[in-house]
Amino acid sequence: MKKSSSENIIYGARAVEEILKDNNRIHNVEKILVDEKKHRNYQQLLNTARAHKIAVQYVPEVKLNKLSKGKNHQGILAHIIDVQYHSIYELLENTTHALNTILFLDRITDVRNFGAIARSAYAMGIDAIIVPPKETASINADAIKTSAGALLKIPVCRENNISETLQFLKEKGFQIVACHEKTSQLIFDVDLKLPSVIILGSEHNGILKEYLRLSDIEVKIPMAKDFDSLNVSVAAGIIFYEIQRQKLCL
């Protein structure tokens, strides 16, 4: 259940290839550095990295020599941020205090949005963040920096079957609150003091229909103008503030 925030380097074509094939660790690859004169040898690896939105940098061999401390890097290495994900099931079983508010981020892929949301979530007392196994931002150096270190403090749970997880939380007494602009009920009219799972959807596609079907309540933030929806990290901050306001006004 503990998490590590250390940054490591792996080097060599086989080692980089293996971590890019590992679905459990690929999200922890922050960037790949490749010899500017040998990058054509690794086009398939680099294409895989880019497909997962992992930064690729072309650098002189001398930099790779320095980072690998003279080891046989074969012209390629990867920076890894090791963060161990939690299990929401274990958190509910082992936590020393009852969880009241859990955040589910449905396919939030922008690293800076992810970090900003985590920063607000931690500051406003959200107990844990759930993310899907794919199509989610990596907890890398940019995310940790944007979160002001909050991602190293708030538990992040990557669950393989989100529908099952939401159903489990419903059975544990949590209300599932889906937040999106295409509904009529206002966030201020919902009792957020109750144990709640707050769902925020993808920046581009919103919340998946299967999660909307599992939700107990669908709410929105009222807008003063007829305008496009708010940035997801801004919306998150407003929602977290309302949760905290209600709790303080007991």
Protein backbone atom coordinates (compact mmCIF):
# COMPACT_ATOMS: atom_id res chain seq x y z
CA MET A 1 0.00 0.00 0.00
CA LYS A 2 3.00 2.30 0.21
CA LYS A 3 4.00 4.32 -2.78
CA SER A 4 7.41 5.32 -4.05
CA SER A 5 8.12 8.59 -5.82
CA SER A 6 11.71 7.84 -6.83
CA GLU A 7 12.86 8.44 -10.39
CA ASN A 8 14.81 5.62 -12.03
CA ILE A 9 16.52 5.07 -15.34
CA ILE A 10 16.39 1.89 -17.35
CA TYR A 11 18.65 1.49 -20.35
CA GLY A 12 19.09 -0.82 -23.29
CA ALA A 13 16.70 -1.72 -26.09
CA ARG A 14 15.33 -4.88 -24.44
CA ALA A 15 14.64 -3.20 -21.09
CA VAL A 16 12.83 -0.27 -22.73
CA GLU A 17 10.86 -2.64 -24.97
CA GLU A 18 9.72 -4.73 -21.98
CA ILE A 19 8.44 -1.77 -19.96
CA LEU A 20 6.53 -0.43 -22.98
CA LYS A 21 4.84 -3.86 -23.23
CA ASP A 22 3.93 -3.88 -19.53
CA ASN A 23 0.42 -2.44 -19.12
CA ASN A 24 0.97 -2.08 -15.37
CA ARG A 25 4.11 0.05 -15.71
CA ILE A 26 3.93 1.85 -19.04
CA HIS A 27 2.01 4.71 -17.36
CA ASN A 28 5.08 5.33 -15.16
CA VAL A 29 7.39 6.01 -18.12
CA GLU A 30 7.97 9.75 -18.14
CA LYS A 31 10.19 10.08 -21.19
CA ILE A 32 12.52 8.18 -23.49
CA LEU A 33 15.92 9.47 -24.55
CA VAL A 34 17.44 8.10 -27.74
CA ASP A 35 20.78 8.69 -29.46
CA GLU A 36 20.16 11.31 -32.13
CA LYS A 37 22.31 9.27 -34.55
CA LYS A 38 20.67 5.90 -33.84
CA HIS A 39 17.00 6.75 -33.48
CA ARG A 40 16.09 5.09 -36.78
CA ASN A 41 16.99 1.74 -35.18
CA TYR A 42 14.17 2.18 -32.67
CA GLN A 43 11.28 3.54 -34.70
CA GLN A 44 8.83 0.88 -33.53
CA LEU A 45 9.65 1.50 -29.86
CA LEU A 46 9.42 5.25 -30.34
CA ASN A 47 6.08 4.94 -32.15
CA THR A 48 4.73 2.88 -29.24
CA ALA A 49 5.94 5.52 -26.79
CA ARG A 50 4.33 8.36 -28.72
CA ALA A 51 1.07 6.42 -29.01
CA HIS A 52 0.98 6.42 -25.19
CA LYS A 53 1.85 10.14 -25.09
CA ILE A 54 5.32 9.48 -23.69
CA ALA A 55 7.82 12.20 -24.55
CA VAL A 56 10.71 11.21 -26.83
CA GLN A 57 13.93 13.24 -26.92
CA TYR A 58 16.84 12.93 -29.35
CA VAL A 59 20.10 13.55 -27.49
CA PRO A 60 23.84 13.19 -28.12
CA GLU A 61 25.48 9.92 -27.10
CA VAL A 62 27.51 11.68 -24.41
CA LYS A 63 24.33 12.47 -22.47
CA LEU A 64 23.25 8.84 -22.54
CA ASN A 65 26.71 7.82 -21.37
CA LYS A 66 26.43 10.18 -18.43
CA LEU A 67 22.92 9.13 -17.41
CA SER A 68 23.71 5.42 -17.67
CA LYS A 69 27.04 5.94 -15.89
CA GLY A 70 28.96 4.36 -18.72
CA LYS A 71 26.81 1.23 -18.98
CA ASN A 72 25.85 -0.29 -22.35
CA HIS A 73 22.72 1.74 -23.09
CA GLN A 74 22.63 0.75 -26.80
CA GLY A 75 21.52 4.27 -27.66
CA ILE A 76 18.24 4.33 -25.73
CA LEU A 77 17.03 4.75 -22.14
CA ALA A 78 13.85 5.62 -20.28
CA HIS A 79 13.09 7.78 -17.24
CA ILE A 80 10.67 6.02 -14.89
CA ILE A 81 8.61 7.55 -12.08
CA ASP A 82 7.75 4.68 -9.75
CA VAL A 83 4.38 5.22 -8.10
CA GLN A 84 2.60 2.22 -6.63
CA TYR A 85 -1.15 2.39 -7.11
CA HIS A 86 -3.55 1.54 -4.30
CA SER A 87 -6.64 -0.68 -4.30
CA ILE A 88 -9.93 0.97 -3.31
CA TYR A 89 -11.04 -2.38 -1.90
CA GLU A 90 -8.02 -2.52 0.41
CA LEU A 91 -8.36 1.14 1.34
CA LEU A 92 -11.95 0.61 2.49
CA GLU A 93 -10.90 -2.43 4.50
CA ASN A 94 -7.70 -1.11 6.06
CA THR A 95 -8.10 2.65 6.47
CA THR A 96 -8.00 4.04 9.99
CA HIS A 97 -10.81 6.50 9.22
CA ALA A 98 -13.97 6.07 7.20
CA LEU A 99 -13.77 7.18 3.58
CA ASN A 100 -16.45 9.73 2.78
CA THR A 101 -15.67 11.22 -0.64
CA ILE A 102 -14.02 9.35 -3.49
CA LEU A 103 -13.24 10.86 -6.89
CA PHE A 104 -13.42 8.83 -10.10
CA LEU A 105 -11.67 10.41 -13.08
CA ASP A 106 -13.07 8.85 -16.24
CA ARG A 107 -10.34 9.04 -18.91
CA ILE A 108 -8.71 12.33 -17.88
CA THR A 109 -5.70 12.19 -20.19
CA ASP A 110 -4.21 15.67 -19.87
CA VAL A 111 -1.36 15.43 -17.37
CA ARG A 112 -1.68 19.01 -16.15
CA ASN A 113 -5.43 18.73 -15.67
CA PHE A 114 -4.86 15.50 -13.77
CA GLY A 115 -2.26 17.13 -11.51
CA ALA A 116 -4.36 20.23 -10.91
CA ILE A 117 -7.39 18.12 -9.99
CA ALA A 118 -5.31 16.06 -7.56
CA ARG A 119 -4.00 19.25 -5.94
CA SER A 120 -7.53 20.59 -5.38
CA ALA A 121 -8.78 17.17 -4.28
CA TYR A 122 -6.12 16.82 -1.60
CA ALA A 123 -6.58 20.38 -0.36
CA MET A 124 -10.36 19.92 -0.10
CA GLY A 125 -10.27 16.61 1.72
CA ILE A 126 -11.11 14.11 -1.01
CA ASP A 127 -10.13 10.70 0.38
CA ALA A 128 -9.01 8.85 -2.76
CA ILE A 129 -8.89 9.03 -6.56
CA ILE A 130 -9.92 6.15 -8.82
CA VAL A 131 -8.66 5.93 -12.41
CA PRO A 132 -9.26 3.35 -15.16
CA PRO A 133 -6.46 1.01 -16.29
CA LYS A 134 -6.15 2.72 -19.70
CA GLU A 135 -6.75 6.13 -21.23
CA THR A 136 -5.66 8.04 -18.16
CA ALA A 137 -2.86 10.50 -17.53
CA SER A 138 0.44 9.14 -16.26
CA ILE A 139 1.60 10.01 -12.78
CA ASN A 140 4.86 11.42 -14.07
CA ALA A 141 7.06 14.35 -13.14
CA ASP A 142 4.76 16.90 -14.83
CA ALA A 143 1.68 15.54 -13.05
CA ILE A 144 3.43 15.49 -9.68
CA LYS A 145 4.76 19.02 -10.20
CA THR A 146 1.34 20.36 -11.27
CA SER A 147 -0.23 18.70 -8.24
CA ALA A 148 2.32 20.43 -5.95
CA GLY A 149 3.17 16.96 -4.61
CA ALA A 150 -0.45 16.06 -3.82
CA LEU A 151 -0.22 12.93 -6.01
CA LEU A 152 2.33 11.59 -3.54
CA LYS A 153 -0.11 12.12 -0.66
CA ILE A 154 -3.58 11.22 -1.88
CA PRO A 155 -4.19 7.53 -2.68
CA VAL A 156 -4.65 6.84 -6.40
CA CYS A 157 -6.42 3.57 -7.20
CA ARG A 158 -6.19 2.08 -10.68
CA GLU A 159 -9.01 -0.45 -10.96
CA ASN A 160 -9.34 -2.91 -13.85
CA ASN A 161 -13.15 -3.09 -13.89
CA ILE A 162 -14.66 0.30 -13.13
CA SER A 163 -18.28 -0.83 -13.43
CA GLU A 164 -17.71 -3.55 -10.84
CA THR A 165 -15.90 -1.07 -8.61
CA LEU A 166 -18.75 1.45 -8.77
CA GLN A 167 -21.29 -1.28 -8.05
CA PHE A 168 -19.19 -2.40 -5.07
CA LEU A 169 -19.09 1.17 -3.73
CA LYS A 170 -22.86 1.50 -4.15
CA GLU A 171 -23.28 -1.65 -2.08
CA LYS A 172 -20.99 -0.12 0.55
CA GLY A 173 -23.37 2.84 0.87
CA PHE A 174 -21.81 5.41 -1.46
CA GLN A 175 -24.01 7.50 -3.71
CA ILE A 176 -22.62 7.77 -7.25
CA VAL A 177 -22.72 11.41 -8.40
CA ALA A 178 -22.00 11.99 -12.10
CA CYS A 179 -21.04 15.60 -12.85
CA HIS A 180 -21.65 16.88 -16.38
CA GLU A 181 -23.30 19.81 -18.12
CA LYS A 182 -26.05 17.86 -19.93
CA THR A 183 -28.41 17.50 -17.00
CA SER A 184 -30.76 19.78 -15.06
CA GLN A 185 -30.12 19.17 -11.35
CA LEU A 186 -27.65 21.56 -9.70
CA ILE A 187 -24.71 20.42 -7.62
CA PHE A 188 -25.83 22.73 -4.79
CA ASP A 189 -29.10 20.82 -4.37
CA VAL A 190 -27.46 17.45 -3.63
CA ASP A 191 -26.46 16.29 -0.13
CA LEU A 192 -22.71 15.83 -0.57
CA LYS A 193 -22.18 15.20 3.13
CA LEU A 194 -23.27 11.63 2.43
CA PRO A 195 -20.60 9.10 1.37
CA SER A 196 -20.18 9.91 -2.31
CA VAL A 197 -18.28 8.91 -5.42
CA ILE A 198 -17.85 11.97 -7.65
CA ILE A 199 -17.42 11.17 -11.35
CA LEU A 200 -15.71 13.64 -13.68
CA GLY A 201 -15.53 12.72 -17.35
CA SER A 202 -13.09 12.94 -20.22
CA GLU A 203 -12.12 16.38 -21.49
CA HIS A 204 -13.40 15.40 -24.93
CA ASN A 205 -16.07 12.71 -24.53
CA GLY A 206 -17.54 13.22 -21.07
CA ILE A 207 -18.62 10.32 -18.87
CA LEU A 208 -19.13 6.90 -20.42
CA LYS A 209 -22.78 5.83 -20.66
CA GLU A 210 -22.18 2.67 -18.65
CA TYR A 211 -21.04 4.79 -15.70
CA LEU A 212 -23.98 7.17 -16.11
CA ARG A 213 -26.31 4.19 -15.89
CA LEU A 214 -24.72 3.24 -12.57
CA SER A 215 -24.97 6.75 -11.15
CA ASP A 216 -27.61 7.66 -8.58
CA ILE A 217 -27.57 11.38 -9.34
CA GLU A 218 -26.50 13.51 -12.31
CA VAL A 219 -25.63 17.11 -11.51
CA LYS A 220 -24.17 20.20 -13.10
CA ILE A 221 -22.59 23.50 -12.10
CA PRO A 222 -24.90 26.43 -12.91
CA MET A 223 -23.50 28.82 -15.51
CA ALA A 224 -24.25 32.55 -15.69
CA LYS A 225 -23.76 32.57 -19.46
CA ASP A 226 -24.72 30.20 -22.26
CA PHE A 227 -21.20 28.99 -22.86
CA ASP A 228 -19.22 25.83 -23.44
CA SER A 229 -18.48 23.63 -20.44
CA LEU A 230 -15.75 24.52 -17.95
CA ASN A 231 -12.26 23.08 -18.05
CA VAL A 232 -12.41 19.84 -16.05
CA SER A 233 -9.86 20.96 -13.45
CA VAL A 234 -11.76 24.22 -12.89
CA ALA A 235 -15.05 22.32 -12.58
CA ALA A 236 -13.41 19.93 -10.13
CA GLY A 237 -12.31 22.80 -7.89
CA ILE A 238 -15.85 24.22 -7.78
CA ILE A 239 -17.33 20.82 -6.94
CA PHE A 240 -14.75 20.11 -4.22
CA TYR A 241 -15.41 23.52 -2.69
CA GLU A 242 -19.15 22.77 -2.55
CA ILE A 243 -18.46 19.44 -0.84
CA GLN A 244 -16.29 21.16 1.75
CA ARG A 245 -18.80 24.00 2.20
CA GLN A 246 -21.59 21.56 2.95
CA LYS A 247 -19.46 19.65 5.45
CA LEU A 248 -18.46 22.85 7.26
CA CYS A 249 -22.07 24.02 7.43
CA LEU A 250 -23.28 21.02 9.42
